[in-house]
Amino acid sequence: MTLILHAHPLSSYCHKVLIALYEAGTPFESRHVDLGDPAARAKFMTISPWGKMPALEDKARREIVFETSIIVEYLDRHYPGPHPLLPADEDARLQARLWDRVFDLYVQGPMGAAVMATIRGEPERIPEHAEALLASYRQIEAHMAGREWAAGSTFSLADCAAAPALFYARVVAPFPDDHPAIAAYFERLIARPSVARTLVEARPWFHMYPYRDRLEPRFLGEASTG
């Protein structure tokens, strides 16, 4: 296989790249990386020297690419699907990159910090991260009013970033009731076949997620009793 994605199926950043691959219909091999295993970590560090996961290995072009935004752009340039994930219009392309950064930095960031606080037994830190998420939601709510996708008229890099960020963030800090635009946007995202497939593939690993008990039954493949 030309493309090898070194990843973990529970990782939100790995989800971002998986969504891009599934959007394009690009064939690839997925290799599971367990960073908790010293031998596996050491081997992965020979592929991704900074330990950044996921890492994309391109055998045909003899390239190793890390940083998810760069991976998605790399795929869009060298292994494009039927619909580009970076708009052709320069201004729209900048918007896609901007909102990709918003979801990575201001949603993934505090969400990941809250999860790590839970893992480390620091519950007193969680409220500040939840407040940071709520502040981000307010900005996203204003931006998404009247929009279908985060940047431009089609699904893009920004939406690849948004789906996993919002999926995990809303577990830490649910969307407020007076945020209908972000809630509707989230439902559009999870209905996207590429996103739905990624979440289904993550199910066997959700038992490792510290907030598994807060996940809705629909994401666990369970029938809802409500």
C-alpha atoms as a PDB file:
ATOM      1  CA  MET A   1       0.000   0.000   0.000  1.00  0.00           C
ATOM      2  CA  THR A   2       1.355   3.408  -0.982  1.00  0.00           C
ATOM      3  CA  LEU A   3      -0.066   5.307   1.999  1.00  0.00           C
ATOM      4  CA  ILE A   4       0.290   4.168   5.605  1.00  0.00           C
ATOM      5  CA  LEU A   5      -1.413   6.081   8.404  1.00  0.00           C
ATOM      6  CA  HIS A   6       0.186   5.519  11.792  1.00  0.00           C
ATOM      7  CA  ALA A   7      -2.629   6.310  14.186  1.00  0.00           C
ATOM      8  CA  HIS A   8      -4.867   5.327  17.089  1.00  0.00           C
ATOM      9  CA  PRO A   9      -8.616   4.922  16.459  1.00  0.00           C
ATOM     10  CA  LEU A  10      -9.570   6.815  19.637  1.00  0.00           C
ATOM     11  CA  SER A  11      -7.504   9.925  18.914  1.00  0.00           C
ATOM     12  CA  SER A  12      -9.411  13.026  17.842  1.00  0.00           C
ATOM     13  CA  TYR A  13      -6.512  14.225  15.707  1.00  0.00           C
ATOM     14  CA  CYS A  14      -6.340  10.842  13.988  1.00  0.00           C
ATOM     15  CA  HIS A  15     -10.074  11.131  13.341  1.00  0.00           C
ATOM     16  CA  LYS A  16      -9.449  14.399  11.508  1.00  0.00           C
ATOM     17  CA  VAL A  17      -7.142  12.700   8.997  1.00  0.00           C
ATOM     18  CA  LEU A  18      -9.325   9.597   8.703  1.00  0.00           C
ATOM     19  CA  ILE A  19     -12.275  11.808   7.779  1.00  0.00           C
ATOM     20  CA  ALA A  20     -10.196  13.449   5.041  1.00  0.00           C
ATOM     21  CA  LEU A  21      -9.119  10.058   3.680  1.00  0.00           C
ATOM     22  CA  TYR A  22     -12.672   8.737   3.666  1.00  0.00           C
ATOM     23  CA  GLU A  23     -13.960  11.918   2.019  1.00  0.00           C
ATOM     24  CA  ALA A  24     -11.508  11.405  -0.831  1.00  0.00           C
ATOM     25  CA  GLY A  25     -11.950   7.641  -1.029  1.00  0.00           C
ATOM     26  CA  THR A  26      -8.167   7.286  -0.926  1.00  0.00           C
ATOM     27  CA  PRO A  27      -6.826   3.754  -0.307  1.00  0.00           C
ATOM     28  CA  PHE A  28      -4.488   3.496   2.670  1.00  0.00           C
ATOM     29  CA  GLU A  29      -3.240   1.103   5.313  1.00  0.00           C
ATOM     30  CA  SER A  30      -3.888   1.956   8.948  1.00  0.00           C
ATOM     31  CA  ARG A  31      -1.263   0.911  11.489  1.00  0.00           C
ATOM     32  CA  HIS A  32      -2.222   1.010  15.140  1.00  0.00           C
ATOM     33  CA  VAL A  33       0.161   2.926  17.398  1.00  0.00           C
ATOM     34  CA  ASP A  34       0.107   2.271  21.148  1.00  0.00           C
ATOM     35  CA  LEU A  35       2.187   5.050  22.671  1.00  0.00           C
ATOM     36  CA  GLY A  36       1.767   3.414  26.071  1.00  0.00           C
ATOM     37  CA  ASP A  37       3.954   0.535  24.929  1.00  0.00           C
ATOM     38  CA  PRO A  38       7.653   1.502  25.202  1.00  0.00           C
ATOM     39  CA  ALA A  39       8.715  -0.631  22.232  1.00  0.00           C
ATOM     40  CA  ALA A  40       5.886   0.665  20.057  1.00  0.00           C
ATOM     41  CA  ARG A  41       6.671   4.248  21.090  1.00  0.00           C
ATOM     42  CA  ALA A  42      10.366   3.821  20.254  1.00  0.00           C
ATOM     43  CA  LYS A  43       9.510   2.398  16.844  1.00  0.00           C
ATOM     44  CA  PHE A  44       7.047   5.208  16.156  1.00  0.00           C
ATOM     45  CA  MET A  45       9.662   7.812  17.088  1.00  0.00           C
ATOM     46  CA  THR A  46      11.791   6.585  14.181  1.00  0.00           C
ATOM     47  CA  ILE A  47       8.897   7.512  11.897  1.00  0.00           C
ATOM     48  CA  SER A  48       7.728  10.678  13.631  1.00  0.00           C
ATOM     49  CA  PRO A  49      10.740  12.144  15.513  1.00  0.00           C
ATOM     50  CA  TRP A  50       8.636  14.540  17.622  1.00  0.00           C
ATOM     51  CA  GLY A  51       6.203  11.755  18.433  1.00  0.00           C
ATOM     52  CA  LYS A  52       3.367  13.523  16.644  1.00  0.00           C
ATOM     53  CA  MET A  53       0.420  11.261  15.895  1.00  0.00           C
ATOM     54  CA  PRO A  54      -0.944  10.605  13.388  1.00  0.00           C
ATOM     55  CA  ALA A  55       1.883  10.373  10.893  1.00  0.00           C
ATOM     56  CA  LEU A  56       1.338   9.687   7.206  1.00  0.00           C
ATOM     57  CA  GLU A  57       3.935   7.574   5.426  1.00  0.00           C
ATOM     58  CA  ASP A  58       3.909   7.850   1.630  1.00  0.00           C
ATOM     59  CA  LYS A  59       5.952   4.992   0.177  1.00  0.00           C
ATOM     60  CA  ALA A  60       5.559   6.178  -3.414  1.00  0.00           C
ATOM     61  CA  ARG A  61       6.824   9.703  -2.770  1.00  0.00           C
ATOM     62  CA  ARG A  62       9.184   8.725   0.064  1.00  0.00           C
ATOM     63  CA  GLU A  63       7.628  11.270   2.370  1.00  0.00           C
ATOM     64  CA  ILE A  64       6.586  11.204   6.013  1.00  0.00           C
ATOM     65  CA  VAL A  65       4.105  13.900   6.936  1.00  0.00           C
ATOM     66  CA  PHE A  66       2.886  14.885  10.395  1.00  0.00           C
ATOM     67  CA  GLU A  67       0.742  17.717  11.798  1.00  0.00           C
ATOM     68  CA  THR A  68      -2.841  16.980  10.837  1.00  0.00           C
ATOM     69  CA  SER A  69      -3.569  20.172   8.920  1.00  0.00           C
ATOM     70  CA  ILE A  70      -0.494  19.575   6.770  1.00  0.00           C
ATOM     71  CA  ILE A  71      -1.440  15.920   6.258  1.00  0.00           C
ATOM     72  CA  VAL A  72      -4.892  16.908   4.993  1.00  0.00           C
ATOM     73  CA  GLU A  73      -3.410  19.504   2.629  1.00  0.00           C
ATOM     74  CA  TYR A  74      -0.829  16.962   1.445  1.00  0.00           C
ATOM     75  CA  LEU A  75      -3.563  14.447   0.684  1.00  0.00           C
ATOM     76  CA  ASP A  76      -5.651  17.086  -1.048  1.00  0.00           C
ATOM     77  CA  ARG A  77      -2.717  18.009  -3.266  1.00  0.00           C
ATOM     78  CA  HIS A  78      -1.249  14.600  -4.081  1.00  0.00           C
ATOM     79  CA  TYR A  79      -4.204  12.216  -3.586  1.00  0.00           C
ATOM     80  CA  PRO A  80      -7.266  14.374  -4.269  1.00  0.00           C
ATOM     81  CA  GLY A  81     -10.799  13.081  -4.062  1.00  0.00           C
ATOM     82  CA  PRO A  82     -13.798  14.144  -6.146  1.00  0.00           C
ATOM     83  CA  HIS A  83     -14.269  17.289  -4.050  1.00  0.00           C
ATOM     84  CA  PRO A  84     -11.279  19.343  -2.845  1.00  0.00           C
ATOM     85  CA  LEU A  85     -10.937  19.901   0.892  1.00  0.00           C
ATOM     86  CA  LEU A  86      -9.124  23.190   0.252  1.00  0.00           C
ATOM     87  CA  PRO A  87     -11.305  25.543  -1.815  1.00  0.00           C
ATOM     88  CA  ALA A  88      -9.905  26.851  -5.090  1.00  0.00           C
ATOM     89  CA  ASP A  89     -10.849  30.416  -4.197  1.00  0.00           C
ATOM     90  CA  GLU A  90      -7.980  32.020  -2.262  1.00  0.00           C
ATOM     91  CA  ASP A  91     -10.155  33.805   0.292  1.00  0.00           C
ATOM     92  CA  ALA A  92     -12.239  30.687   0.921  1.00  0.00           C
ATOM     93  CA  ARG A  93      -9.041  28.676   1.292  1.00  0.00           C
ATOM     94  CA  LEU A  94      -7.816  31.079   3.955  1.00  0.00           C
ATOM     95  CA  GLN A  95     -11.147  30.743   5.760  1.00  0.00           C
ATOM     96  CA  ALA A  96     -10.801  26.954   5.710  1.00  0.00           C
ATOM     97  CA  ARG A  97      -7.341  27.225   7.225  1.00  0.00           C
ATOM     98  CA  LEU A  98      -8.517  29.788   9.780  1.00  0.00           C
ATOM     99  CA  TRP A  99     -11.405  27.675  11.038  1.00  0.00           C
ATOM    100  CA  ASP A 100      -9.233  24.581  11.016  1.00  0.00           C
ATOM    101  CA  ARG A 101      -7.010  26.460  13.482  1.00  0.00           C
ATOM    102  CA  VAL A 102     -10.012  27.569  15.536  1.00  0.00           C
ATOM    103  CA  PHE A 103     -11.212  24.000  16.028  1.00  0.00           C
ATOM    104  CA  ASP A 104      -7.728  22.632  16.721  1.00  0.00           C
ATOM    105  CA  LEU A 105      -6.592  25.369  19.096  1.00  0.00           C
ATOM    106  CA  TYR A 106      -9.744  26.618  20.802  1.00  0.00           C
ATOM    107  CA  VAL A 107     -11.844  23.454  20.889  1.00  0.00           C
ATOM    108  CA  GLN A 108      -9.398  20.544  20.773  1.00  0.00           C
ATOM    109  CA  GLY A 109      -7.034  22.428  23.086  1.00  0.00           C
ATOM    110  CA  PRO A 110      -9.275  22.891  26.142  1.00  0.00           C
ATOM    111  CA  MET A 111     -11.063  19.606  25.476  1.00  0.00           C
ATOM    112  CA  GLY A 112      -7.776  17.714  25.569  1.00  0.00           C
ATOM    113  CA  ALA A 113      -6.691  19.618  28.667  1.00  0.00           C
ATOM    114  CA  ALA A 114      -9.905  18.614  30.456  1.00  0.00           C
ATOM    115  CA  VAL A 115      -9.395  14.962  29.555  1.00  0.00           C
ATOM    116  CA  MET A 116      -5.799  15.071  30.788  1.00  0.00           C
ATOM    117  CA  ALA A 117      -6.924  16.729  34.029  1.00  0.00           C
ATOM    118  CA  THR A 118      -9.316  13.828  34.564  1.00  0.00           C
ATOM    119  CA  ILE A 119      -6.633  11.248  33.836  1.00  0.00           C
ATOM    120  CA  ARG A 120      -4.213  12.970  36.230  1.00  0.00           C
ATOM    121  CA  GLY A 121      -6.786  13.222  39.011  1.00  0.00           C
ATOM    122  CA  GLU A 122      -7.028  17.017  38.884  1.00  0.00           C
ATOM    123  CA  PRO A 123     -10.804  17.620  38.800  1.00  0.00           C
ATOM    124  CA  GLU A 124     -10.365  21.175  40.076  1.00  0.00           C
ATOM    125  CA  ARG A 125      -8.852  22.092  36.680  1.00  0.00           C
ATOM    126  CA  ILE A 126     -11.809  20.919  34.606  1.00  0.00           C
ATOM    127  CA  PRO A 127     -14.132  23.951  35.104  1.00  0.00           C
ATOM    128  CA  GLU A 128     -11.619  26.364  33.567  1.00  0.00           C
ATOM    129  CA  HIS A 129     -11.310  24.179  30.476  1.00  0.00           C
ATOM    130  CA  ALA A 130     -15.085  23.828  30.240  1.00  0.00           C
ATOM    131  CA  GLU A 131     -15.412  27.624  30.412  1.00  0.00           C
ATOM    132  CA  ALA A 132     -12.875  27.962  27.603  1.00  0.00           C
ATOM    133  CA  LEU A 133     -14.996  25.607  25.503  1.00  0.00           C
ATOM    134  CA  LEU A 134     -18.149  27.599  26.203  1.00  0.00           C
ATOM    135  CA  ALA A 135     -16.353  30.774  25.109  1.00  0.00           C
ATOM    136  CA  SER A 136     -15.363  29.053  21.867  1.00  0.00           C
ATOM    137  CA  TYR A 137     -18.911  27.800  21.340  1.00  0.00           C
ATOM    138  CA  ARG A 138     -20.184  31.380  21.438  1.00  0.00           C
ATOM    139  CA  GLN A 139     -17.867  32.359  18.601  1.00  0.00           C
ATOM    140  CA  ILE A 140     -18.680  29.249  16.573  1.00  0.00           C
ATOM    141  CA  GLU A 141     -22.412  29.772  17.126  1.00  0.00           C
ATOM    142  CA  ALA A 142     -22.189  33.290  15.702  1.00  0.00           C
ATOM    143  CA  HIS A 143     -20.108  32.099  12.761  1.00  0.00           C
ATOM    144  CA  MET A 144     -22.320  29.119  11.879  1.00  0.00           C
ATOM    145  CA  ALA A 145     -25.621  31.021  11.891  1.00  0.00           C
ATOM    146  CA  GLY A 146     -26.948  30.680   8.354  1.00  0.00           C
ATOM    147  CA  ARG A 147     -24.068  28.446   7.229  1.00  0.00           C
ATOM    148  CA  GLU A 148     -24.011  24.790   6.278  1.00  0.00           C
ATOM    149  CA  TRP A 149     -20.260  24.234   6.574  1.00  0.00           C
ATOM    150  CA  ALA A 150     -17.533  26.083   8.443  1.00  0.00           C
ATOM    151  CA  ALA A 151     -15.742  27.628   5.444  1.00  0.00           C
ATOM    152  CA  GLY A 152     -17.287  28.100   2.036  1.00  0.00           C
ATOM    153  CA  SER A 153     -20.210  26.223   0.573  1.00  0.00           C
ATOM    154  CA  THR A 154     -18.726  22.714   0.702  1.00  0.00           C
ATOM    155  CA  PHE A 155     -17.217  20.328   3.247  1.00  0.00           C
ATOM    156  CA  SER A 156     -13.572  21.284   3.795  1.00  0.00           C
ATOM    157  CA  LEU A 157     -10.459  20.966   5.924  1.00  0.00           C
ATOM    158  CA  ALA A 158     -12.230  23.067   8.554  1.00  0.00           C
ATOM    159  CA  ASP A 159     -15.033  20.517   8.864  1.00  0.00           C
ATOM    160  CA  CYS A 160     -12.538  17.646   9.094  1.00  0.00           C
ATOM    161  CA  ALA A 161     -11.158  19.454  12.145  1.00  0.00           C
ATOM    162  CA  ALA A 162     -14.550  20.396  13.545  1.00  0.00           C
ATOM    163  CA  ALA A 163     -16.100  16.926  13.659  1.00  0.00           C
ATOM    164  CA  PRO A 164     -13.761  15.214  16.160  1.00  0.00           C
ATOM    165  CA  ALA A 165     -13.184  18.408  18.121  1.00  0.00           C
ATOM    166  CA  LEU A 166     -16.892  18.976  18.717  1.00  0.00           C
ATOM    167  CA  PHE A 167     -17.628  15.275  19.217  1.00  0.00           C
ATOM    168  CA  TYR A 168     -15.349  15.062  22.233  1.00  0.00           C
ATOM    169  CA  ALA A 169     -15.774  18.656  23.430  1.00  0.00           C
ATOM    170  CA  ARG A 170     -19.537  18.432  23.866  1.00  0.00           C
ATOM    171  CA  VAL A 171     -18.972  15.547  26.279  1.00  0.00           C
ATOM    172  CA  VAL A 172     -16.855  17.823  28.475  1.00  0.00           C
ATOM    173  CA  ALA A 173     -19.079  20.884  28.008  1.00  0.00           C
ATOM    174  CA  PRO A 174     -22.471  20.288  26.329  1.00  0.00           C
ATOM    175  CA  PHE A 175     -23.718  22.863  23.855  1.00  0.00           C
ATOM    176  CA  PRO A 176     -25.949  25.427  25.599  1.00  0.00           C
ATOM    177  CA  ASP A 177     -29.638  25.287  24.700  1.00  0.00           C
ATOM    178  CA  ASP A 178     -29.459  28.755  23.158  1.00  0.00           C
ATOM    179  CA  HIS A 179     -26.829  27.627  20.604  1.00  0.00           C
ATOM    180  CA  PRO A 180     -28.991  26.070  17.855  1.00  0.00           C
ATOM    181  CA  ALA A 181     -26.534  26.752  15.017  1.00  0.00           C
ATOM    182  CA  ILE A 182     -23.630  24.813  16.507  1.00  0.00           C
ATOM    183  CA  ALA A 183     -25.955  21.974  17.544  1.00  0.00           C
ATOM    184  CA  ALA A 184     -27.374  21.701  14.020  1.00  0.00           C
ATOM    185  CA  TYR A 185     -23.869  21.880  12.545  1.00  0.00           C
ATOM    186  CA  PHE A 186     -22.766  19.006  14.774  1.00  0.00           C
ATOM    187  CA  GLU A 187     -25.674  16.859  13.576  1.00  0.00           C
ATOM    188  CA  ARG A 188     -24.735  17.572   9.952  1.00  0.00           C
ATOM    189  CA  LEU A 189     -21.166  16.577  10.691  1.00  0.00           C
ATOM    190  CA  ILE A 190     -21.967  13.241  12.315  1.00  0.00           C
ATOM    191  CA  ALA A 191     -24.407  12.423   9.502  1.00  0.00           C
ATOM    192  CA  ARG A 192     -21.573  12.762   6.986  1.00  0.00           C
ATOM    193  CA  PRO A 193     -20.572   9.218   5.864  1.00  0.00           C
ATOM    194  CA  SER A 194     -16.863   9.886   6.417  1.00  0.00           C
ATOM    195  CA  VAL A 195     -17.497  11.042   9.987  1.00  0.00           C
ATOM    196  CA  ALA A 196     -19.997   8.292  10.766  1.00  0.00           C
ATOM    197  CA  ARG A 197     -17.531   5.646   9.564  1.00  0.00           C
ATOM    198  CA  THR A 198     -14.752   7.096  11.702  1.00  0.00           C
ATOM    199  CA  LEU A 199     -16.927   7.050  14.825  1.00  0.00           C
ATOM    200  CA  VAL A 200     -18.099   3.487  14.202  1.00  0.00           C
ATOM    201  CA  GLU A 201     -14.485   2.361  13.876  1.00  0.00           C
ATOM    202  CA  ALA A 202     -13.686   4.067  17.196  1.00  0.00           C
ATOM    203  CA  ARG A 203     -16.406   2.190  19.122  1.00  0.00           C
ATOM    204  CA  PRO A 204     -14.261  -0.770  20.205  1.00  0.00           C
ATOM    205  CA  TRP A 205     -11.896   1.699  21.858  1.00  0.00           C
ATOM    206  CA  PHE A 206     -14.362   3.929  23.673  1.00  0.00           C
ATOM    207  CA  HIS A 207     -13.926   1.860  26.839  1.00  0.00           C
ATOM    208  CA  MET A 208     -10.542   3.600  27.163  1.00  0.00           C
ATOM    209  CA  TYR A 209     -12.111   7.073  27.038  1.00  0.00           C
ATOM    210  CA  PRO A 210     -12.372   8.650  30.531  1.00  0.00           C
ATOM    211  CA  TYR A 211     -15.829  10.072  29.774  1.00  0.00           C
ATOM    212  CA  ARG A 212     -17.285   6.964  28.162  1.00  0.00           C
ATOM    213  CA  ASP A 213     -20.238   7.018  30.557  1.00  0.00           C
ATOM    214  CA  ARG A 214     -21.267  10.389  29.123  1.00  0.00           C
ATOM    215  CA  LEU A 215     -21.346   9.248  25.495  1.00  0.00           C
ATOM    216  CA  GLU A 216     -24.807   8.934  23.995  1.00  0.00           C
ATOM    217  CA  PRO A 217     -26.005   5.398  23.228  1.00  0.00           C
ATOM    218  CA  ARG A 218     -26.135   6.205  19.506  1.00  0.00           C
ATOM    219  CA  PHE A 219     -22.348   6.546  19.485  1.00  0.00           C
ATOM    220  CA  LEU A 220     -21.849   3.279  21.316  1.00  0.00           C
ATOM    221  CA  GLY A 221     -24.069   1.268  19.006  1.00  0.00           C
ATOM    222  CA  GLU A 222     -26.602   0.810  21.785  1.00  0.00           C
ATOM    223  CA  ALA A 223     -30.350   1.294  21.648  1.00  0.00           C
ATOM    224  CA  SER A 224     -31.549   4.404  23.444  1.00  0.00           C
ATOM    225  CA  THR A 225     -33.992   3.880  26.306  1.00  0.00           C
ATOM    226  CA  GLY A 226     -35.052   7.504  26.327  1.00  0.00           C
END
